[in-house]
Amino acid sequence: MLTQALLDRPERFELGMICATPAAMAALDGDPKRAAALLARHVRGEGGDLCAEDRLANTEAIKLGGQRIMSVYKQLEGETVWIITEADRSVTTILTPDDY
């Protein structure tokens, strides 16, 4: 759920070229609006269902650069979608764990 505080946050890093695997789009019911909503959360630094260690790694990557940024979003249908922005910020990929 997007809170107003999250919506008011500015983008915190560049996404680069955006790609999505077929499996990720299937997990999102082929809906580009669902993908866009998750990307909006990702670029604002809201990592979704990350563990504390990965959340800390994202914070450092956003502040210092040079590391990838990852978000994990569990969908209602039980599917999990990952979003990974590469360390050089050239590409962001929406994928499923099985795609990795």
N, C-alpha and C. Protein backbone atom coordinates (compact mmCIF):
# COMPACT_ATOMS: atom_id res chain seq x y z
N MET A 1 0.85 -1.19 0.00
CA MET A 1 0.00 0.00 0.00
C MET A 1 0.89 1.24 0.00
N LEU A 2 0.61 2.16 -0.88
CA LEU A 2 1.37 3.40 -0.94
C LEU A 2 0.80 4.40 0.05
N THR A 3 1.62 4.81 0.98
CA THR A 3 1.19 5.84 1.93
C THR A 3 1.49 7.21 1.34
N GLN A 4 0.88 8.24 1.86
CA GLN A 4 1.13 9.59 1.35
C GLN A 4 2.59 9.97 1.55
N ALA A 5 3.18 9.57 2.69
CA ALA A 5 4.59 9.88 2.94
C ALA A 5 5.47 9.27 1.85
N LEU A 6 5.16 8.05 1.44
CA LEU A 6 5.93 7.39 0.39
C LEU A 6 5.73 8.09 -0.94
N LEU A 7 4.51 8.47 -1.25
CA LEU A 7 4.23 9.17 -2.50
C LEU A 7 4.94 10.52 -2.57
N ASP A 8 5.11 11.17 -1.42
CA ASP A 8 5.75 12.48 -1.38
C ASP A 8 7.27 12.40 -1.46
N ARG A 9 7.84 11.21 -1.28
CA ARG A 9 9.29 11.07 -1.35
C ARG A 9 9.77 11.27 -2.78
N PRO A 10 10.84 11.99 -2.96
CA PRO A 10 11.40 12.12 -4.31
C PRO A 10 12.12 10.84 -4.71
N GLU A 11 12.37 10.73 -5.99
CA GLU A 11 13.18 9.62 -6.47
C GLU A 11 14.55 9.71 -5.82
N ARG A 12 15.08 8.58 -5.40
CA ARG A 12 16.33 8.58 -4.66
C ARG A 12 17.52 8.11 -5.48
N PHE A 13 17.29 7.58 -6.68
CA PHE A 13 18.37 7.13 -7.54
C PHE A 13 17.83 6.96 -8.95
N GLU A 14 18.74 6.82 -9.91
CA GLU A 14 18.37 6.62 -11.32
C GLU A 14 18.04 5.15 -11.57
N LEU A 15 17.07 4.90 -12.43
CA LEU A 15 16.70 3.54 -12.78
C LEU A 15 17.41 3.02 -14.03
N GLY A 16 17.86 3.91 -14.90
CA GLY A 16 18.44 3.48 -16.17
C GLY A 16 17.36 2.87 -17.05
N MET A 17 17.77 1.97 -17.95
CA MET A 17 16.83 1.28 -18.81
C MET A 17 16.01 0.30 -17.96
N ILE A 18 14.73 0.23 -18.18
CA ILE A 18 13.85 -0.64 -17.40
C ILE A 18 13.46 -1.85 -18.25
N CYS A 19 13.67 -3.03 -17.69
CA CYS A 19 13.33 -4.29 -18.35
C CYS A 19 12.47 -5.12 -17.41
N ALA A 20 11.68 -6.00 -17.98
CA ALA A 20 10.88 -6.94 -17.19
C ALA A 20 10.88 -8.29 -17.89
N THR A 21 11.05 -9.34 -17.12
CA THR A 21 11.00 -10.67 -17.70
C THR A 21 9.54 -11.07 -17.94
N PRO A 22 9.31 -11.99 -18.87
CA PRO A 22 7.94 -12.46 -19.09
C PRO A 22 7.31 -13.05 -17.82
N ALA A 23 8.10 -13.77 -17.03
CA ALA A 23 7.57 -14.37 -15.80
C ALA A 23 7.14 -13.29 -14.80
N ALA A 24 7.92 -12.21 -14.71
CA ALA A 24 7.55 -11.12 -13.80
C ALA A 24 6.26 -10.46 -14.25
N MET A 25 6.12 -10.23 -15.55
CA MET A 25 4.89 -9.62 -16.05
C MET A 25 3.70 -10.54 -15.84
N ALA A 26 3.92 -11.84 -15.96
CA ALA A 26 2.83 -12.79 -15.70
C ALA A 26 2.43 -12.74 -14.22
N ALA A 27 3.41 -12.59 -13.33
CA ALA A 27 3.13 -12.49 -11.90
C ALA A 27 2.33 -11.23 -11.58
N LEU A 28 2.48 -10.22 -12.44
CA LEU A 28 1.75 -8.96 -12.28
C LEU A 28 0.52 -8.92 -13.17
N ASP A 29 0.07 -10.08 -13.61
CA ASP A 29 -1.11 -10.22 -14.47
C ASP A 29 -0.97 -9.43 -15.77
N GLY A 30 0.27 -9.23 -16.22
CA GLY A 30 0.49 -8.51 -17.48
C GLY A 30 0.13 -7.04 -17.42
N ASP A 31 -0.04 -6.50 -16.22
CA ASP A 31 -0.52 -5.13 -16.04
C ASP A 31 0.65 -4.16 -15.87
N PRO A 32 0.94 -3.33 -16.88
CA PRO A 32 2.04 -2.39 -16.76
C PRO A 32 1.84 -1.37 -15.63
N LYS A 33 0.59 -1.10 -15.26
CA LYS A 33 0.34 -0.17 -14.15
C LYS A 33 0.82 -0.76 -12.83
N ARG A 34 0.66 -2.07 -12.65
CA ARG A 34 1.17 -2.73 -11.44
C ARG A 34 2.69 -2.67 -11.42
N ALA A 35 3.31 -2.90 -12.56
CA ALA A 35 4.77 -2.81 -12.66
C ALA A 35 5.23 -1.39 -12.34
N ALA A 36 4.55 -0.40 -12.89
CA ALA A 36 4.91 1.00 -12.65
C ALA A 36 4.77 1.37 -11.17
N ALA A 37 3.73 0.86 -10.52
CA ALA A 37 3.54 1.15 -9.10
C ALA A 37 4.68 0.56 -8.27
N LEU A 38 5.12 -0.64 -8.61
CA LEU A 38 6.25 -1.24 -7.88
C LEU A 38 7.53 -0.48 -8.17
N LEU A 39 7.73 -0.05 -9.40
CA LEU A 39 8.92 0.75 -9.73
C LEU A 39 8.93 2.06 -8.95
N ALA A 40 7.76 2.67 -8.79
CA ALA A 40 7.67 3.92 -8.03
C ALA A 40 8.10 3.69 -6.58
N ARG A 41 7.68 2.59 -6.01
CA ARG A 41 8.08 2.26 -4.64
C ARG A 41 9.58 2.01 -4.57
N HIS A 42 10.09 1.26 -5.53
CA HIS A 42 11.52 0.91 -5.58
C HIS A 42 12.39 2.16 -5.65
N VAL A 43 12.09 3.06 -6.59
CA VAL A 43 12.93 4.24 -6.81
C VAL A 43 12.87 5.23 -5.65
N ARG A 44 11.84 5.11 -4.84
CA ARG A 44 11.75 5.95 -3.64
C ARG A 44 12.44 5.31 -2.44
N GLY A 45 13.01 4.13 -2.65
CA GLY A 45 13.76 3.48 -1.58
C GLY A 45 12.94 2.59 -0.68
N GLU A 46 11.71 2.30 -1.06
CA GLU A 46 10.85 1.42 -0.25
C GLU A 46 11.05 0.01 -0.80
N GLY A 47 11.83 -0.78 -0.09
CA GLY A 47 12.26 -2.08 -0.60
C GLY A 47 11.25 -3.20 -0.46
N GLY A 48 10.07 -2.92 0.06
CA GLY A 48 9.05 -3.97 0.17
C GLY A 48 9.37 -4.97 1.26
N ASP A 49 9.39 -6.23 0.88
CA ASP A 49 9.53 -7.34 1.84
C ASP A 49 10.99 -7.77 2.01
N LEU A 50 11.87 -6.81 2.23
CA LEU A 50 13.28 -7.11 2.42
C LEU A 50 13.57 -7.46 3.87
N CYS A 51 14.60 -8.29 4.07
CA CYS A 51 15.09 -8.54 5.42
C CYS A 51 15.89 -7.31 5.87
N ALA A 52 16.17 -7.23 7.15
CA ALA A 52 16.87 -6.06 7.72
C ALA A 52 18.25 -5.87 7.08
N GLU A 53 18.95 -6.95 6.82
CA GLU A 53 20.29 -6.87 6.23
C GLU A 53 20.24 -6.27 4.82
N ASP A 54 19.29 -6.73 4.00
CA ASP A 54 19.16 -6.19 2.65
C ASP A 54 18.67 -4.74 2.66
N ARG A 55 17.82 -4.40 3.62
CA ARG A 55 17.36 -3.02 3.75
C ARG A 55 18.54 -2.09 4.04
N LEU A 56 19.42 -2.52 4.95
CA LEU A 56 20.62 -1.75 5.27
C LEU A 56 21.54 -1.64 4.06
N ALA A 57 21.71 -2.73 3.32
CA ALA A 57 22.54 -2.70 2.11
C ALA A 57 21.99 -1.70 1.09
N ASN A 58 20.66 -1.64 0.94
CA ASN A 58 20.05 -0.67 0.03
C ASN A 58 20.33 0.76 0.49
N THR A 59 20.19 1.00 1.78
CA THR A 59 20.44 2.35 2.31
C THR A 59 21.86 2.79 1.97
N GLU A 60 22.82 1.90 2.18
CA GLU A 60 24.21 2.22 1.87
C GLU A 60 24.41 2.41 0.36
N ALA A 61 23.79 1.57 -0.44
CA ALA A 61 23.92 1.68 -1.89
C ALA A 61 23.35 2.99 -2.41
N ILE A 62 22.25 3.43 -1.83
CA ILE A 62 21.65 4.69 -2.25
C ILE A 62 22.54 5.86 -1.84
N LYS A 63 23.08 5.81 -0.64
CA LYS A 63 23.93 6.90 -0.15
C LYS A 63 25.27 6.96 -0.86
N LEU A 64 25.92 5.81 -1.00
CA LEU A 64 27.30 5.78 -1.46
C LEU A 64 27.47 5.39 -2.92
N GLY A 65 26.46 4.73 -3.51
CA GLY A 65 26.59 4.24 -4.87
C GLY A 65 27.50 3.02 -4.94
N GLY A 66 27.69 2.51 -6.14
CA GLY A 66 28.61 1.41 -6.35
C GLY A 66 28.09 0.03 -5.98
N GLN A 67 26.83 -0.07 -5.55
CA GLN A 67 26.23 -1.36 -5.23
C GLN A 67 24.83 -1.40 -5.82
N ARG A 68 24.35 -2.62 -6.07
CA ARG A 68 23.01 -2.75 -6.61
C ARG A 68 21.97 -2.44 -5.53
N ILE A 69 20.77 -2.14 -5.98
CA ILE A 69 19.64 -1.87 -5.08
C ILE A 69 18.57 -2.88 -5.44
N MET A 70 18.03 -3.54 -4.42
CA MET A 70 17.06 -4.60 -4.66
C MET A 70 15.80 -4.37 -3.83
N SER A 71 14.66 -4.65 -4.42
CA SER A 71 13.39 -4.64 -3.71
C SER A 71 12.71 -5.98 -3.93
N VAL A 72 11.92 -6.39 -2.96
CA VAL A 72 11.18 -7.65 -3.02
C VAL A 72 9.72 -7.35 -2.71
N TYR A 73 8.84 -7.77 -3.60
CA TYR A 73 7.41 -7.53 -3.41
C TYR A 73 6.65 -8.84 -3.56
N LYS A 74 6.02 -9.27 -2.49
CA LYS A 74 5.19 -10.47 -2.52
C LYS A 74 3.79 -10.06 -2.98
N GLN A 75 3.32 -10.72 -4.03
CA GLN A 75 2.01 -10.42 -4.60
C GLN A 75 0.92 -11.23 -3.90
N LEU A 76 -0.31 -10.78 -4.03
CA LEU A 76 -1.43 -11.45 -3.38
C LEU A 76 -1.59 -12.90 -3.83
N GLU A 77 -1.21 -13.19 -5.06
CA GLU A 77 -1.37 -14.53 -5.60
C GLU A 77 -0.27 -15.47 -5.14
N GLY A 78 0.61 -15.01 -4.25
CA GLY A 78 1.69 -15.84 -3.75
C GLY A 78 2.98 -15.74 -4.55
N GLU A 79 2.94 -15.04 -5.66
CA GLU A 79 4.13 -14.83 -6.47
C GLU A 79 5.00 -13.76 -5.83
N THR A 80 6.30 -13.87 -6.03
CA THR A 80 7.23 -12.84 -5.56
C THR A 80 7.88 -12.19 -6.77
N VAL A 81 7.97 -10.87 -6.72
CA VAL A 81 8.61 -10.09 -7.78
C VAL A 81 9.79 -9.35 -7.17
N TRP A 82 10.92 -9.45 -7.82
CA TRP A 82 12.10 -8.69 -7.43
C TRP A 82 12.29 -7.54 -8.40
N ILE A 83 12.86 -6.45 -7.89
CA ILE A 83 13.32 -5.36 -8.76
C ILE A 83 14.77 -5.10 -8.36
N ILE A 84 15.64 -5.16 -9.35
CA ILE A 84 17.07 -4.95 -9.11
C ILE A 84 17.57 -3.84 -10.01
N THR A 85 18.17 -2.82 -9.39
CA THR A 85 18.85 -1.76 -10.14
C THR A 85 20.34 -2.04 -10.02
N GLU A 86 21.00 -2.13 -11.16
CA GLU A 86 22.42 -2.46 -11.18
C GLU A 86 23.26 -1.37 -10.51
N ALA A 87 24.44 -1.75 -10.08
CA ALA A 87 25.32 -0.86 -9.33
C ALA A 87 25.64 0.42 -10.09
N ASP A 88 25.76 0.34 -11.41
CA ASP A 88 26.08 1.53 -12.20
C ASP A 88 24.83 2.31 -12.62
N ARG A 89 23.67 1.86 -12.16
CA ARG A 89 22.37 2.50 -12.40
C ARG A 89 21.99 2.54 -13.88
N SER A 90 22.58 1.64 -14.67
CA SER A 90 22.29 1.63 -16.10
C SER A 90 21.03 0.85 -16.45
N VAL A 91 20.66 -0.13 -15.61
CA VAL A 91 19.53 -1.00 -15.90
C VAL A 91 18.81 -1.35 -14.61
N THR A 92 17.49 -1.37 -14.68
CA THR A 92 16.64 -1.89 -13.61
C THR A 92 15.80 -2.99 -14.21
N THR A 93 15.80 -4.15 -13.54
CA THR A 93 15.08 -5.31 -14.05
C THR A 93 14.02 -5.75 -13.06
N ILE A 94 12.83 -6.00 -13.58
CA ILE A 94 11.75 -6.60 -12.80
C ILE A 94 11.77 -8.09 -13.16
N LEU A 95 11.88 -8.95 -12.16
CA LEU A 95 12.01 -10.37 -12.41
C LEU A 95 11.43 -11.18 -11.25
N THR A 96 11.34 -12.46 -11.44
CA THR A 96 10.95 -13.35 -10.36
C THR A 96 12.20 -14.05 -9.85
N PRO A 97 12.16 -14.61 -8.65
CA PRO A 97 13.32 -15.35 -8.13
C PRO A 97 13.75 -16.47 -9.08
N ASP A 98 12.82 -17.12 -9.75
CA ASP A 98 13.17 -18.18 -10.68
C ASP A 98 13.93 -17.67 -11.91
N ASP A 99 13.77 -16.38 -12.23
CA ASP A 99 14.49 -15.79 -13.36
C ASP A 99 15.95 -15.51 -13.04
N TYR A 100 16.28 -15.42 -11.77
CA TYR A 100 17.61 -14.99 -11.34
C TYR A 100 18.68 -15.99 -11.66
